[in-house]
N, C-alpha and C. Protein backbone atom coordinates (compact mmCIF):
# COMPACT_ATOMS: atom_id res chain seq x y z
N MET A 1 0.84 -1.18 0.00
CA MET A 1 0.00 0.00 0.00
C MET A 1 0.89 1.25 0.00
N ASN A 2 0.54 2.22 -0.82
CA ASN A 2 1.32 3.45 -0.83
C ASN A 2 0.73 4.46 0.17
N ASN A 3 1.45 5.55 0.37
CA ASN A 3 1.04 6.55 1.37
C ASN A 3 -0.34 7.14 1.07
N LYS A 4 -0.64 7.35 -0.20
CA LYS A 4 -1.93 7.92 -0.56
C LYS A 4 -3.07 6.98 -0.18
N GLU A 5 -2.88 5.69 -0.42
CA GLU A 5 -3.89 4.70 -0.06
C GLU A 5 -4.07 4.61 1.45
N ILE A 6 -2.96 4.64 2.16
CA ILE A 6 -3.00 4.58 3.62
C ILE A 6 -3.75 5.78 4.19
N LEU A 7 -3.46 6.96 3.68
CA LEU A 7 -4.13 8.16 4.15
C LEU A 7 -5.63 8.11 3.87
N GLU A 8 -6.01 7.57 2.71
CA GLU A 8 -7.43 7.47 2.36
C GLU A 8 -8.15 6.48 3.28
N ILE A 9 -7.53 5.36 3.56
CA ILE A 9 -8.14 4.37 4.46
C ILE A 9 -8.28 4.95 5.86
N ARG A 10 -7.23 5.60 6.34
CA ARG A 10 -7.30 6.24 7.67
C ARG A 10 -8.45 7.22 7.72
N LYS A 11 -8.57 8.02 6.68
CA LYS A 11 -9.64 9.02 6.61
C LYS A 11 -11.01 8.36 6.64
N GLN A 12 -11.18 7.28 5.89
CA GLN A 12 -12.46 6.57 5.84
C GLN A 12 -12.80 5.98 7.21
N VAL A 13 -11.83 5.31 7.84
CA VAL A 13 -12.08 4.70 9.14
C VAL A 13 -12.45 5.76 10.16
N LEU A 14 -11.70 6.83 10.21
CA LEU A 14 -11.98 7.89 11.19
C LEU A 14 -13.32 8.56 10.93
N SER A 15 -13.67 8.75 9.68
CA SER A 15 -14.95 9.38 9.36
C SER A 15 -16.12 8.49 9.81
N ILE A 16 -16.05 7.22 9.47
CA ILE A 16 -17.11 6.29 9.87
C ILE A 16 -17.18 6.18 11.39
N ALA A 17 -16.02 6.05 12.02
CA ALA A 17 -15.98 5.90 13.48
C ALA A 17 -16.54 7.13 14.19
N THR A 18 -16.21 8.29 13.71
CA THR A 18 -16.73 9.52 14.31
C THR A 18 -18.25 9.57 14.21
N SER A 19 -18.76 9.25 13.02
CA SER A 19 -20.20 9.24 12.81
C SER A 19 -20.89 8.23 13.73
N LEU A 20 -20.35 7.01 13.79
CA LEU A 20 -20.93 5.99 14.64
C LEU A 20 -20.90 6.38 16.12
N ALA A 21 -19.78 6.95 16.56
CA ALA A 21 -19.65 7.35 17.96
C ALA A 21 -20.64 8.45 18.32
N LEU A 22 -20.80 9.42 17.43
CA LEU A 22 -21.76 10.49 17.68
C LEU A 22 -23.18 9.95 17.73
N GLN A 23 -23.51 9.03 16.83
CA GLN A 23 -24.84 8.42 16.85
C GLN A 23 -25.07 7.67 18.16
N GLU A 24 -24.05 6.95 18.62
CA GLU A 24 -24.18 6.18 19.85
C GLU A 24 -24.34 7.09 21.07
N THR A 25 -23.60 8.19 21.12
CA THR A 25 -23.72 9.09 22.26
C THR A 25 -25.10 9.75 22.28
N GLU A 26 -25.62 10.08 21.11
CA GLU A 26 -26.97 10.66 21.05
C GLU A 26 -28.03 9.65 21.46
N ARG A 27 -27.83 8.41 21.03
CA ARG A 27 -28.83 7.37 21.30
C ARG A 27 -28.81 6.92 22.76
N THR A 28 -27.62 6.77 23.35
CA THR A 28 -27.52 6.17 24.68
C THR A 28 -27.04 7.12 25.77
N GLY A 29 -26.44 8.24 25.38
CA GLY A 29 -25.87 9.15 26.37
C GLY A 29 -24.51 8.70 26.87
N GLU A 30 -23.98 7.65 26.22
CA GLU A 30 -22.66 7.13 26.60
C GLU A 30 -21.59 8.18 26.34
N ASP A 31 -20.53 8.14 27.14
CA ASP A 31 -19.39 9.04 26.97
C ASP A 31 -18.78 8.85 25.57
N TYR A 32 -18.45 9.96 24.91
CA TYR A 32 -17.94 9.90 23.54
C TYR A 32 -16.68 9.05 23.43
N SER A 33 -15.75 9.18 24.37
CA SER A 33 -14.49 8.43 24.28
C SER A 33 -14.74 6.92 24.37
N LYS A 34 -15.70 6.50 25.15
CA LYS A 34 -16.03 5.08 25.22
C LYS A 34 -16.72 4.63 23.93
N ALA A 35 -17.60 5.45 23.45
CA ALA A 35 -18.31 5.11 22.21
C ALA A 35 -17.33 5.07 21.03
N LEU A 36 -16.33 5.93 21.04
CA LEU A 36 -15.38 5.99 19.94
C LEU A 36 -14.56 4.71 19.84
N ASN A 37 -14.17 4.13 20.94
CA ASN A 37 -13.41 2.87 20.91
C ASN A 37 -14.20 1.78 20.20
N LYS A 38 -15.47 1.65 20.55
CA LYS A 38 -16.31 0.64 19.91
C LYS A 38 -16.54 0.99 18.43
N ALA A 39 -16.70 2.28 18.16
CA ALA A 39 -16.96 2.73 16.80
C ALA A 39 -15.75 2.48 15.89
N LEU A 40 -14.54 2.62 16.42
CA LEU A 40 -13.35 2.33 15.62
C LEU A 40 -13.31 0.86 15.23
N ASP A 41 -13.64 0.00 16.17
CA ASP A 41 -13.70 -1.43 15.86
C ASP A 41 -14.73 -1.70 14.77
N GLU A 42 -15.89 -1.10 14.90
CA GLU A 42 -16.96 -1.31 13.92
C GLU A 42 -16.57 -0.76 12.55
N ALA A 43 -15.94 0.39 12.51
CA ALA A 43 -15.52 0.99 11.24
C ALA A 43 -14.51 0.08 10.53
N CYS A 44 -13.59 -0.49 11.28
CA CYS A 44 -12.62 -1.41 10.69
C CYS A 44 -13.31 -2.64 10.12
N ILE A 45 -14.29 -3.15 10.84
CA ILE A 45 -15.04 -4.32 10.36
C ILE A 45 -15.77 -3.97 9.06
N ARG A 46 -16.42 -2.84 9.04
CA ARG A 46 -17.19 -2.43 7.85
C ARG A 46 -16.32 -2.24 6.62
N LEU A 47 -15.07 -1.80 6.84
CA LEU A 47 -14.16 -1.58 5.72
C LEU A 47 -13.26 -2.79 5.45
N GLY A 48 -13.41 -3.84 6.24
CA GLY A 48 -12.62 -5.04 6.04
C GLY A 48 -11.16 -4.88 6.38
N ILE A 49 -10.87 -4.06 7.39
CA ILE A 49 -9.50 -3.80 7.81
C ILE A 49 -9.30 -4.37 9.21
N GLU A 50 -8.23 -5.10 9.38
CA GLU A 50 -7.93 -5.61 10.72
C GLU A 50 -7.54 -4.45 11.62
N HIS A 51 -7.99 -4.49 12.86
CA HIS A 51 -7.72 -3.41 13.82
C HIS A 51 -6.22 -3.16 13.95
N LYS A 52 -5.43 -4.23 14.00
CA LYS A 52 -3.97 -4.08 14.12
C LYS A 52 -3.39 -3.37 12.91
N GLU A 53 -3.91 -3.67 11.73
CA GLU A 53 -3.44 -3.01 10.51
C GLU A 53 -3.76 -1.52 10.55
N PHE A 54 -4.93 -1.19 11.08
CA PHE A 54 -5.29 0.22 11.18
C PHE A 54 -4.33 0.95 12.13
N ILE A 55 -4.02 0.33 13.24
CA ILE A 55 -3.09 0.94 14.20
C ILE A 55 -1.72 1.16 13.54
N LYS A 56 -1.26 0.19 12.76
CA LYS A 56 0.03 0.30 12.10
C LYS A 56 0.10 1.47 11.13
N MET A 57 -1.05 1.91 10.64
CA MET A 57 -1.08 3.03 9.71
C MET A 57 -0.64 4.34 10.34
N PHE A 58 -0.62 4.38 11.67
CA PHE A 58 -0.23 5.60 12.37
C PHE A 58 1.23 5.58 12.81
N ILE A 59 1.87 4.46 12.59
CA ILE A 59 3.28 4.32 13.02
C ILE A 59 4.20 4.63 11.88
């Protein structure tokens, strides 16, 4: 994967995760930081990216 592809995937995961976390906080009143952790996992699943691979994109 080249840098452009990595940046695009990171952007997609973060965008989906942010949206999911905001929806969850509105729906349940859960703390955003807790909702974001779950949302990141869900975003990775939806995009078919392993969580560990997503983390490696920031290193």
